[in-house]
Amino acid sequence: MHQTKESVIEAQKLDVQEPSRYKVVLLNDDYTTMDFVIMVLMVIFHRTLDEAQNIMISVHKSGKAVCGIYAFEVAETKVAQVKSLAGQHKFPLRCAMEKE
């Protein structure tokens, strides 16, 4: 059986799958200040002030809110950054990742 270059390329394209995506979620608590949550959203998630305020309100009202959707490694890094920054500032802010 003779394969052309085009058929090999086409077969390779069929095997490629999009990587899984993960939602990074902030979880509400009774101690972390709203200002700190806004700062986290702006610094770690690169949100504008308006976006950060809206997400913070969602966290406060709903108990959690999505900050962004990323590839696994990026989501894992964002969760670690939130945990580290919250710890440095003595806040119990929790962050999790959920498969999309």
PDB file of N, CA and C in Angstrom:
ATOM      1  N   MET A   1       0.852  -1.178   0.000  1.00  0.00           N
ATOM      2  CA  MET A   1       0.000   0.000   0.000  1.00  0.00           C
ATOM      3  C   MET A   1       0.893   1.236   0.000  1.00  0.00           C
ATOM      4  N   HIS A   2       0.620   2.134  -0.875  1.00  0.00           N
ATOM      5  CA  HIS A   2       1.424   3.345  -1.012  1.00  0.00           C
ATOM      6  C   HIS A   2       0.693   4.527  -0.371  1.00  0.00           C
ATOM      7  N   GLN A   3       1.387   5.191   0.556  1.00  0.00           N
ATOM      8  CA  GLN A   3       0.796   6.371   1.186  1.00  0.00           C
ATOM      9  C   GLN A   3       1.444   7.618   0.614  1.00  0.00           C
ATOM     10  N   THR A   4       0.618   8.577   0.302  1.00  0.00           N
ATOM     11  CA  THR A   4       1.161   9.852  -0.149  1.00  0.00           C
ATOM     12  C   THR A   4       1.482  10.701   1.064  1.00  0.00           C
ATOM     13  N   LYS A   5       2.265  11.702   0.838  1.00  0.00           N
ATOM     14  CA  LYS A   5       2.612  12.626   1.921  1.00  0.00           C
ATOM     15  C   LYS A   5       1.344  13.266   2.511  1.00  0.00           C
ATOM     16  N   GLU A   6       0.391  13.562   1.634  1.00  0.00           N
ATOM     17  CA  GLU A   6      -0.859  14.189   2.083  1.00  0.00           C
ATOM     18  C   GLU A   6      -1.657  13.265   2.993  1.00  0.00           C
ATOM     19  N   SER A   7      -1.704  11.958   2.669  1.00  0.00           N
ATOM     20  CA  SER A   7      -2.479  11.025   3.490  1.00  0.00           C
ATOM     21  C   SER A   7      -1.834  10.840   4.864  1.00  0.00           C
ATOM     22  N   VAL A   8      -0.512  10.870   4.940  1.00  0.00           N
ATOM     23  CA  VAL A   8       0.180  10.776   6.223  1.00  0.00           C
ATOM     24  C   VAL A   8      -0.112  12.020   7.063  1.00  0.00           C
ATOM     25  N   ILE A   9      -0.043  13.179   6.448  1.00  0.00           N
ATOM     26  CA  ILE A   9      -0.343  14.425   7.161  1.00  0.00           C
ATOM     27  C   ILE A   9      -1.781  14.423   7.645  1.00  0.00           C
ATOM     28  N   GLU A  10      -2.715  13.973   6.806  1.00  0.00           N
ATOM     29  CA  GLU A  10      -4.132  13.928   7.186  1.00  0.00           C
ATOM     30  C   GLU A  10      -4.330  12.972   8.371  1.00  0.00           C
ATOM     31  N   ALA A  11      -3.670  11.840   8.366  1.00  0.00           N
ATOM     32  CA  ALA A  11      -3.777  10.874   9.462  1.00  0.00           C
ATOM     33  C   ALA A  11      -3.230  11.478  10.753  1.00  0.00           C
ATOM     34  N   GLN A  12      -2.148  12.233  10.659  1.00  0.00           N
ATOM     35  CA  GLN A  12      -1.578  12.870  11.842  1.00  0.00           C
ATOM     36  C   GLN A  12      -2.536  13.914  12.407  1.00  0.00           C
ATOM     37  N   LYS A  13      -3.213  14.649  11.555  1.00  0.00           N
ATOM     38  CA  LYS A  13      -4.164  15.670  12.006  1.00  0.00           C
ATOM     39  C   LYS A  13      -5.312  15.039  12.788  1.00  0.00           C
ATOM     40  N   LEU A  14      -5.755  13.856  12.367  1.00  0.00           N
ATOM     41  CA  LEU A  14      -6.880  13.200  13.024  1.00  0.00           C
ATOM     42  C   LEU A  14      -6.538  12.766  14.448  1.00  0.00           C
ATOM     43  N   ASP A  15      -5.280  12.489  14.728  1.00  0.00           N
ATOM     44  CA  ASP A  15      -4.870  12.020  16.044  1.00  0.00           C
ATOM     45  C   ASP A  15      -4.691  13.151  17.056  1.00  0.00           C
ATOM     46  N   VAL A  16      -4.664  14.378  16.615  1.00  0.00           N
ATOM     47  CA  VAL A  16      -4.421  15.511  17.505  1.00  0.00           C
ATOM     48  C   VAL A  16      -5.707  15.871  18.237  1.00  0.00           C
ATOM     49  N   GLN A  17      -5.615  15.943  19.551  1.00  0.00           N
ATOM     50  CA  GLN A  17      -6.768  16.327  20.367  1.00  0.00           C
ATOM     51  C   GLN A  17      -6.432  17.594  21.143  1.00  0.00           C
ATOM     52  N   GLU A  18      -7.451  18.389  21.364  1.00  0.00           N
ATOM     53  CA  GLU A  18      -7.264  19.579  22.182  1.00  0.00           C
ATOM     54  C   GLU A  18      -6.956  19.144  23.614  1.00  0.00           C
ATOM     55  N   PRO A  19      -6.045  19.834  24.298  1.00  0.00           N
ATOM     56  CA  PRO A  19      -5.771  19.476  25.688  1.00  0.00           C
ATOM     57  C   PRO A  19      -6.970  19.820  26.569  1.00  0.00           C
ATOM     58  N   SER A  20      -7.106  19.091  27.660  1.00  0.00           N
ATOM     59  CA  SER A  20      -8.188  19.376  28.607  1.00  0.00           C
ATOM     60  C   SER A  20      -8.001  20.769  29.179  1.00  0.00           C
ATOM     61  N   ARG A  21      -9.116  21.401  29.476  1.00  0.00           N
ATOM     62  CA  ARG A  21      -9.091  22.748  30.057  1.00  0.00           C
ATOM     63  C   ARG A  21      -9.641  22.653  31.479  1.00  0.00           C
ATOM     64  N   TYR A  22      -9.168  23.566  32.333  1.00  0.00           N
ATOM     65  CA  TYR A  22      -9.552  23.555  33.740  1.00  0.00           C
ATOM     66  C   TYR A  22      -9.997  24.936  34.188  1.00  0.00           C
ATOM     67  N   LYS A  23     -11.127  24.947  34.903  1.00  0.00           N
ATOM     68  CA  LYS A  23     -11.620  26.190  35.489  1.00  0.00           C
ATOM     69  C   LYS A  23     -10.878  26.406  36.800  1.00  0.00           C
ATOM     70  N   VAL A  24     -10.403  27.620  37.018  1.00  0.00           N
ATOM     71  CA  VAL A  24      -9.819  27.981  38.303  1.00  0.00           C
ATOM     72  C   VAL A  24     -10.893  28.762  39.048  1.00  0.00           C
ATOM     73  N   VAL A  25     -11.220  28.274  40.244  1.00  0.00           N
ATOM     74  CA  VAL A  25     -12.351  28.784  41.005  1.00  0.00           C
ATOM     75  C   VAL A  25     -11.881  29.320  42.349  1.00  0.00           C
ATOM     76  N   LEU A  26     -12.342  30.518  42.703  1.00  0.00           N
ATOM     77  CA  LEU A  26     -12.114  31.057  44.052  1.00  0.00           C
ATOM     78  C   LEU A  26     -13.308  30.682  44.908  1.00  0.00           C
ATOM     79  N   LEU A  27     -13.027  30.326  46.166  1.00  0.00           N
ATOM     80  CA  LEU A  27     -14.064  29.909  47.107  1.00  0.00           C
ATOM     81  C   LEU A  27     -14.214  30.952  48.217  1.00  0.00           C
ATOM     82  N   ASN A  28     -15.442  31.231  48.581  1.00  0.00           N
ATOM     83  CA  ASN A  28     -15.730  32.253  49.591  1.00  0.00           C
ATOM     84  C   ASN A  28     -15.325  31.788  50.988  1.00  0.00           C
ATOM     85  N   ASP A  29     -14.942  32.730  51.813  1.00  0.00           N
ATOM     86  CA  ASP A  29     -14.735  32.487  53.238  1.00  0.00           C
ATOM     87  C   ASP A  29     -15.155  33.753  53.982  1.00  0.00           C
ATOM     88  N   ASP A  30     -15.184  33.675  55.298  1.00  0.00           N
ATOM     89  CA  ASP A  30     -15.664  34.808  56.099  1.00  0.00           C
ATOM     90  C   ASP A  30     -14.552  35.748  56.557  1.00  0.00           C
ATOM     91  N   TYR A  31     -13.311  35.516  56.124  1.00  0.00           N
ATOM     92  CA  TYR A  31     -12.195  36.296  56.654  1.00  0.00           C
ATOM     93  C   TYR A  31     -11.413  37.087  55.609  1.00  0.00           C
ATOM     94  N   THR A  32     -11.277  36.556  54.420  1.00  0.00           N
ATOM     95  CA  THR A  32     -10.504  37.236  53.382  1.00  0.00           C
ATOM     96  C   THR A  32     -11.249  38.507  52.967  1.00  0.00           C
ATOM     97  N   THR A  33     -10.532  39.618  52.923  1.00  0.00           N
ATOM     98  CA  THR A  33     -11.181  40.887  52.573  1.00  0.00           C
ATOM     99  C   THR A  33     -11.499  40.955  51.081  1.00  0.00           C
ATOM    100  N   MET A  34     -12.516  41.716  50.776  1.00  0.00           N
ATOM    101  CA  MET A  34     -12.901  41.911  49.379  1.00  0.00           C
ATOM    102  C   MET A  34     -11.769  42.577  48.606  1.00  0.00           C
ATOM    103  N   ASP A  35     -11.088  43.529  49.234  1.00  0.00           N
ATOM    104  CA  ASP A  35      -9.968  44.214  48.572  1.00  0.00           C
ATOM    105  C   ASP A  35      -8.852  43.234  48.207  1.00  0.00           C
ATOM    106  N   PHE A  36      -8.575  42.280  49.104  1.00  0.00           N
ATOM    107  CA  PHE A  36      -7.530  41.295  48.814  1.00  0.00           C
ATOM    108  C   PHE A  36      -7.939  40.415  47.631  1.00  0.00           C
ATOM    109  N   VAL A  37      -9.200  39.984  47.596  1.00  0.00           N
ATOM    110  CA  VAL A  37      -9.689  39.153  46.491  1.00  0.00           C
ATOM    111  C   VAL A  37      -9.566  39.913  45.169  1.00  0.00           C
ATOM    112  N   ILE A  38      -9.927  41.177  45.177  1.00  0.00           N
ATOM    113  CA  ILE A  38      -9.804  42.003  43.965  1.00  0.00           C
ATOM    114  C   ILE A  38      -8.345  42.092  43.526  1.00  0.00           C
ATOM    115  N   MET A  39      -7.452  42.291  44.481  1.00  0.00           N
ATOM    116  CA  MET A  39      -6.022  42.370  44.161  1.00  0.00           C
ATOM    117  C   MET A  39      -5.531  41.055  43.559  1.00  0.00           C
ATOM    118  N   VAL A  40      -5.937  39.920  44.132  1.00  0.00           N
ATOM    119  CA  VAL A  40      -5.555  38.602  43.612  1.00  0.00           C
ATOM    120  C   VAL A  40      -6.039  38.451  42.165  1.00  0.00           C
ATOM    121  N   LEU A  41      -7.273  38.834  41.922  1.00  0.00           N
ATOM    122  CA  LEU A  41      -7.838  38.715  40.571  1.00  0.00           C
ATOM    123  C   LEU A  41      -7.105  39.596  39.563  1.00  0.00           C
ATOM    124  N   MET A  42      -6.686  40.753  39.985  1.00  0.00           N
ATOM    125  CA  MET A  42      -5.970  41.660  39.083  1.00  0.00           C
ATOM    126  C   MET A  42      -4.524  41.206  38.853  1.00  0.00           C
ATOM    127  N   VAL A  43      -3.853  40.769  39.923  1.00  0.00           N
ATOM    128  CA  VAL A  43      -2.429  40.422  39.829  1.00  0.00           C
ATOM    129  C   VAL A  43      -2.219  39.039  39.216  1.00  0.00           C
ATOM    130  N   ILE A  44      -2.927  38.048  39.708  1.00  0.00           N
ATOM    131  CA  ILE A  44      -2.694  36.668  39.260  1.00  0.00           C
ATOM    132  C   ILE A  44      -3.475  36.337  37.993  1.00  0.00           C
ATOM    133  N   PHE A  45      -4.704  36.856  37.896  1.00  0.00           N
ATOM    134  CA  PHE A  45      -5.550  36.495  36.767  1.00  0.00           C
ATOM    135  C   PHE A  45      -5.639  37.595  35.705  1.00  0.00           C
ATOM    136  N   HIS A  46      -4.931  38.694  35.937  1.00  0.00           N
ATOM    137  CA  HIS A  46      -4.847  39.802  34.971  1.00  0.00           C
ATOM    138  C   HIS A  46      -6.227  40.340  34.586  1.00  0.00           C
ATOM    139  N   ARG A  47      -7.093  40.470  35.578  1.00  0.00           N
ATOM    140  CA  ARG A  47      -8.434  41.022  35.359  1.00  0.00           C
ATOM    141  C   ARG A  47      -8.407  42.531  35.540  1.00  0.00           C
ATOM    142  N   THR A  48      -9.290  43.218  34.832  1.00  0.00           N
ATOM    143  CA  THR A  48      -9.442  44.657  35.040  1.00  0.00           C
ATOM    144  C   THR A  48     -10.123  44.866  36.386  1.00  0.00           C
ATOM    145  N   LEU A  49     -10.120  46.097  36.876  1.00  0.00           N
ATOM    146  CA  LEU A  49     -10.777  46.392  38.145  1.00  0.00           C
ATOM    147  C   LEU A  49     -12.251  46.016  38.090  1.00  0.00           C
ATOM    148  N   ASP A  50     -12.938  46.379  37.020  1.00  0.00           N
ATOM    149  CA  ASP A  50     -14.362  46.046  36.889  1.00  0.00           C
ATOM    150  C   ASP A  50     -14.590  44.531  36.872  1.00  0.00           C
ATOM    151  N   GLU A  51     -13.774  43.819  36.101  1.00  0.00           N
ATOM    152  CA  GLU A  51     -13.906  42.357  36.057  1.00  0.00           C
ATOM    153  C   GLU A  51     -13.650  41.749  37.436  1.00  0.00           C
ATOM    154  N   ALA A  52     -12.603  42.225  38.097  1.00  0.00           N
ATOM    155  CA  ALA A  52     -12.246  41.707  39.420  1.00  0.00           C
ATOM    156  C   ALA A  52     -13.367  41.966  40.428  1.00  0.00           C
ATOM    157  N   GLN A  53     -13.945  43.150  40.393  1.00  0.00           N
ATOM    158  CA  GLN A  53     -15.046  43.461  41.313  1.00  0.00           C
ATOM    159  C   GLN A  53     -16.250  42.557  41.045  1.00  0.00           C
ATOM    160  N   ASN A  54     -16.572  42.325  39.783  1.00  0.00           N
ATOM    161  CA  ASN A  54     -17.705  41.466  39.438  1.00  0.00           C
ATOM    162  C   ASN A  54     -17.477  40.022  39.883  1.00  0.00           C
ATOM    163  N   ILE A  55     -16.272  39.511  39.672  1.00  0.00           N
ATOM    164  CA  ILE A  55     -15.960  38.144  40.100  1.00  0.00           C
ATOM    165  C   ILE A  55     -15.997  38.055  41.622  1.00  0.00           C
ATOM    166  N   MET A  56     -15.436  39.056  42.298  1.00  0.00           N
ATOM    167  CA  MET A  56     -15.435  39.070  43.760  1.00  0.00           C
ATOM    168  C   MET A  56     -16.859  39.043  44.301  1.00  0.00           C
ATOM    169  N   ILE A  57     -17.756  39.810  43.707  1.00  0.00           N
ATOM    170  CA  ILE A  57     -19.165  39.835  44.138  1.00  0.00           C
ATOM    171  C   ILE A  57     -19.793  38.454  43.911  1.00  0.00           C
ATOM    172  N   SER A  58     -19.465  37.810  42.801  1.00  0.00           N
ATOM    173  CA  SER A  58     -19.981  36.463  42.530  1.00  0.00           C
ATOM    174  C   SER A  58     -19.496  35.464  43.578  1.00  0.00           C
ATOM    175  N   VAL A  59     -18.222  35.559  43.941  1.00  0.00           N
ATOM    176  CA  VAL A  59     -17.672  34.692  44.985  1.00  0.00           C
ATOM    177  C   VAL A  59     -18.437  34.927  46.286  1.00  0.00           C
ATOM    178  N   HIS A  60     -18.643  36.191  46.627  1.00  0.00           N
ATOM    179  CA  HIS A  60     -19.313  36.558  47.875  1.00  0.00           C
ATOM    180  C   HIS A  60     -20.767  36.059  47.904  1.00  0.00           C
ATOM    181  N   LYS A  61     -21.484  36.231  46.799  1.00  0.00           N
ATOM    182  CA  LYS A  61     -22.905  35.879  46.755  1.00  0.00           C
ATOM    183  C   LYS A  61     -23.148  34.382  46.518  1.00  0.00           C
ATOM    184  N   SER A  62     -22.342  33.770  45.659  1.00  0.00           N
ATOM    185  CA  SER A  62     -22.587  32.382  45.256  1.00  0.00           C
ATOM    186  C   SER A  62     -21.721  31.363  45.988  1.00  0.00           C
ATOM    187  N   GLY A  63     -20.719  31.834  46.696  1.00  0.00           N
ATOM    188  CA  GLY A  63     -19.828  30.910  47.390  1.00  0.00           C
ATOM    189  C   GLY A  63     -18.597  30.533  46.592  1.00  0.00           C
ATOM    190  N   LYS A  64     -18.663  30.746  45.279  1.00  0.00           N
ATOM    191  CA  LYS A  64     -17.500  30.500  44.428  1.00  0.00           C
ATOM    192  C   LYS A  64     -17.740  31.149  43.076  1.00  0.00           C
ATOM    193  N   ALA A  65     -16.643  31.361  42.348  1.00  0.00           N
ATOM    194  CA  ALA A  65     -16.745  31.925  41.003  1.00  0.00           C
ATOM    195  C   ALA A  65     -15.506  31.531  40.204  1.00  0.00           C
ATOM    196  N   VAL A  66     -15.700  31.394  38.907  1.00  0.00           N
ATOM    197  CA  VAL A  66     -14.606  31.048  37.995  1.00  0.00           C
ATOM    198  C   VAL A  66     -13.778  32.295  37.708  1.00  0.00           C
ATOM    199  N   CYS A  67     -12.466  32.166  37.877  1.00  0.00           N
ATOM    200  CA  CYS A  67     -11.534  33.271  37.602  1.00  0.00           C
ATOM    201  C   CYS A  67     -10.979  33.194  36.187  1.00  0.00           C
ATOM    202  N   GLY A  68     -10.923  31.987  35.650  1.00  0.00           N
ATOM    203  CA  GLY A  68     -10.393  31.788  34.311  1.00  0.00           C
ATOM    204  C   GLY A  68     -10.376  30.313  33.968  1.00  0.00           C
ATOM    205  N   ILE A  69     -10.149  30.020  32.699  1.00  0.00           N
ATOM    206  CA  ILE A  69     -10.096  28.646  32.204  1.00  0.00           C
ATOM    207  C   ILE A  69      -8.767  28.483  31.463  1.00  0.00           C
ATOM    208  N   TYR A  70      -8.010  27.456  31.865  1.00  0.00           N
ATOM    209  CA  TYR A  70      -6.642  27.309  31.387  1.00  0.00           C
ATOM    210  C   TYR A  70      -6.294  25.848  31.128  1.00  0.00           C
ATOM    211  N   ALA A  71      -5.160  25.642  30.466  1.00  0.00           N
ATOM    212  CA  ALA A  71      -4.574  24.309  30.352  1.00  0.00           C
ATOM    213  C   ALA A  71      -4.166  23.861  31.755  1.00  0.00           C
ATOM    214  N   PHE A  72      -4.009  22.551  31.956  1.00  0.00           N
ATOM    215  CA  PHE A  72      -3.751  21.997  33.283  1.00  0.00           C
ATOM    216  C   PHE A  72      -2.599  22.686  34.009  1.00  0.00           C
ATOM    217  N   GLU A  73      -1.449  22.806  33.358  1.00  0.00           N
ATOM    218  CA  GLU A  73      -0.257  23.351  34.016  1.00  0.00           C
ATOM    219  C   GLU A  73      -0.462  24.805  34.430  1.00  0.00           C
ATOM    220  N   VAL A  74      -1.122  25.568  33.592  1.00  0.00           N
ATOM    221  CA  VAL A  74      -1.374  26.976  33.909  1.00  0.00           C
ATOM    222  C   VAL A  74      -2.359  27.067  35.071  1.00  0.00           C
ATOM    223  N   ALA A  75      -3.425  26.278  35.034  1.00  0.00           N
ATOM    224  CA  ALA A  75      -4.410  26.281  36.120  1.00  0.00           C
ATOM    225  C   ALA A  75      -3.747  25.885  37.436  1.00  0.00           C
ATOM    226  N   GLU A  76      -2.919  24.868  37.393  1.00  0.00           N
ATOM    227  CA  GLU A  76      -2.212  24.404  38.593  1.00  0.00           C
ATOM    228  C   GLU A  76      -1.314  25.507  39.161  1.00  0.00           C
ATOM    229  N   THR A  77      -0.650  26.229  38.288  1.00  0.00           N
ATOM    230  CA  THR A  77       0.215  27.338  38.710  1.00  0.00           C
ATOM    231  C   THR A  77      -0.603  28.454  39.341  1.00  0.00           C
ATOM    232  N   LYS A  78      -1.737  28.800  38.733  1.00  0.00           N
ATOM    233  CA  LYS A  78      -2.597  29.869  39.275  1.00  0.00           C
ATOM    234  C   LYS A  78      -3.089  29.504  40.680  1.00  0.00           C
ATOM    235  N   VAL A  79      -3.511  28.257  40.872  1.00  0.00           N
ATOM    236  CA  VAL A  79      -3.973  27.802  42.188  1.00  0.00           C
ATOM    237  C   VAL A  79      -2.839  27.932  43.211  1.00  0.00           C
ATOM    238  N   ALA A  80      -1.643  27.516  42.842  1.00  0.00           N
ATOM    239  CA  ALA A  80      -0.483  27.608  43.742  1.00  0.00           C
ATOM    240  C   ALA A  80      -0.150  29.065  44.054  1.00  0.00           C
ATOM    241  N   GLN A  81      -0.256  29.950  43.071  1.00  0.00           N
ATOM    242  CA  GLN A  81       0.027  31.366  43.290  1.00  0.00           C
ATOM    243  C   GLN A  81      -0.976  31.981  44.260  1.00  0.00           C
ATOM    244  N   VAL A  82      -2.250  31.641  44.109  1.00  0.00           N
ATOM    245  CA  VAL A  82      -3.278  32.160  45.030  1.00  0.00           C
ATOM    246  C   VAL A  82      -2.991  31.675  46.443  1.00  0.00           C
ATOM    247  N   LYS A  83      -2.713  30.391  46.584  1.00  0.00           N
ATOM    248  CA  LYS A  83      -2.428  29.819  47.906  1.00  0.00           C
ATOM    249  C   LYS A  83      -1.223  30.496  48.547  1.00  0.00           C
ATOM    250  N   SER A  84      -0.179  30.700  47.777  1.00  0.00           N
ATOM    251  CA  SER A  84       1.032  31.332  48.287  1.00  0.00           C
ATOM    252  C   SER A  84       0.780  32.777  48.716  1.00  0.00           C
ATOM    253  N   LEU A  85       0.129  33.552  47.854  1.00  0.00           N
ATOM    254  CA  LEU A  85      -0.139  34.957  48.155  1.00  0.00           C
ATOM    255  C   LEU A  85      -1.067  35.091  49.361  1.00  0.00           C
ATOM    256  N   ALA A  86      -2.098  34.246  49.423  1.00  0.00           N
ATOM    257  CA  ALA A  86      -3.019  34.281  50.564  1.00  0.00           C
ATOM    258  C   ALA A  86      -2.269  33.948  51.856  1.00  0.00           C
ATOM    259  N   GLY A  87      -1.408  32.953  51.795  1.00  0.00           N
ATOM    260  CA  GLY A  87      -0.622  32.577  52.974  1.00  0.00           C
ATOM    261  C   GLY A  87       0.297  33.701  53.437  1.00  0.00           C
ATOM    262  N   GLN A  88       0.924  34.387  52.490  1.00  0.00           N
ATOM    263  CA  GLN A  88       1.817  35.504  52.830  1.00  0.00           C
ATOM    264  C   GLN A  88       1.065  36.615  53.551  1.00  0.00           C
ATOM    265  N   HIS A  89      -0.208  36.778  53.193  1.00  0.00           N
ATOM    266  CA  HIS A  89      -1.022  37.847  53.785  1.00  0.00           C
ATOM    267  C   HIS A  89      -1.934  37.348  54.899  1.00  0.00           C
ATOM    268  N   LYS A  90      -1.739  36.076  55.297  1.00  0.00           N
ATOM    269  CA  LYS A  90      -2.481  35.473  56.413  1.00  0.00           C
ATOM    270  C   LYS A  90      -3.991  35.411  56.172  1.00  0.00           C
ATOM    271  N   PHE A  91      -4.388  35.166  54.923  1.00  0.00           N
ATOM    272  CA  PHE A  91      -5.805  34.993  54.592  1.00  0.00           C
ATOM    273  C   PHE A  91      -6.054  33.524  54.260  1.00  0.00           C
ATOM    274  N   PRO A  92      -7.239  33.009  54.617  1.00  0.00           N
ATOM    275  CA  PRO A  92      -7.563  31.609  54.319  1.00  0.00           C
ATOM    276  C   PRO A  92      -8.182  31.406  52.936  1.00  0.00           C
ATOM    277  N   LEU A  93      -7.974  32.333  52.015  1.00  0.00           N
ATOM    278  CA  LEU A  93      -8.567  32.254  50.685  1.00  0.00           C
ATOM    279  C   LEU A  93      -8.220  30.921  50.031  1.00  0.00           C
ATOM    280  N   ARG A  94      -9.240  30.244  49.538  1.00  0.00           N
ATOM    281  CA  ARG A  94      -9.036  28.947  48.881  1.00  0.00           C
ATOM    282  C   ARG A  94      -9.345  29.070  47.397  1.00  0.00           C
ATOM    283  N   CYS A  95      -8.619  28.278  46.649  1.00  0.00           N
ATOM    284  CA  CYS A  95      -8.743  28.282  45.195  1.00  0.00           C
ATOM    285  C   CYS A  95      -8.651  26.815  44.753  1.00  0.00           C
ATOM    286  N   ALA A  96      -9.457  26.469  43.742  1.00  0.00           N
ATOM    287  CA  ALA A  96      -9.458  25.090  43.260  1.00  0.00           C
ATOM    288  C   ALA A  96      -9.516  25.086  41.746  1.00  0.00           C
ATOM    289  N   MET A  97      -9.236  23.922  41.182  1.00  0.00           N
ATOM    290  CA  MET A  97      -9.395  23.771  39.744  1.00  0.00           C
ATOM    291  C   MET A  97     -10.356  22.628  39.480  1.00  0.00           C
ATOM    292  N   GLU A  98     -11.193  22.829  38.452  1.00  0.00           N
ATOM    293  CA  GLU A  98     -12.196  21.841  38.070  1.00  0.00           C
ATOM    294  C   GLU A  98     -12.074  21.611  36.578  1.00  0.00           C
ATOM    295  N   LYS A  99     -12.112  20.352  36.177  1.00  0.00           N
ATOM    296  CA  LYS A  99     -12.042  20.043  34.750  1.00  0.00           C
ATOM    297  C   LYS A  99     -13.285  20.605  34.058  1.00  0.00           C
ATOM    298  N   GLU A 100     -13.070  21.250  32.934  1.00  0.00           N
ATOM    299  CA  GLU A 100     -14.177  21.875  32.204  1.00  0.00           C
ATOM    300  C   GLU A 100     -15.017  20.829  31.514  1.00  0.00           C
TER     301      GLU A 100
END
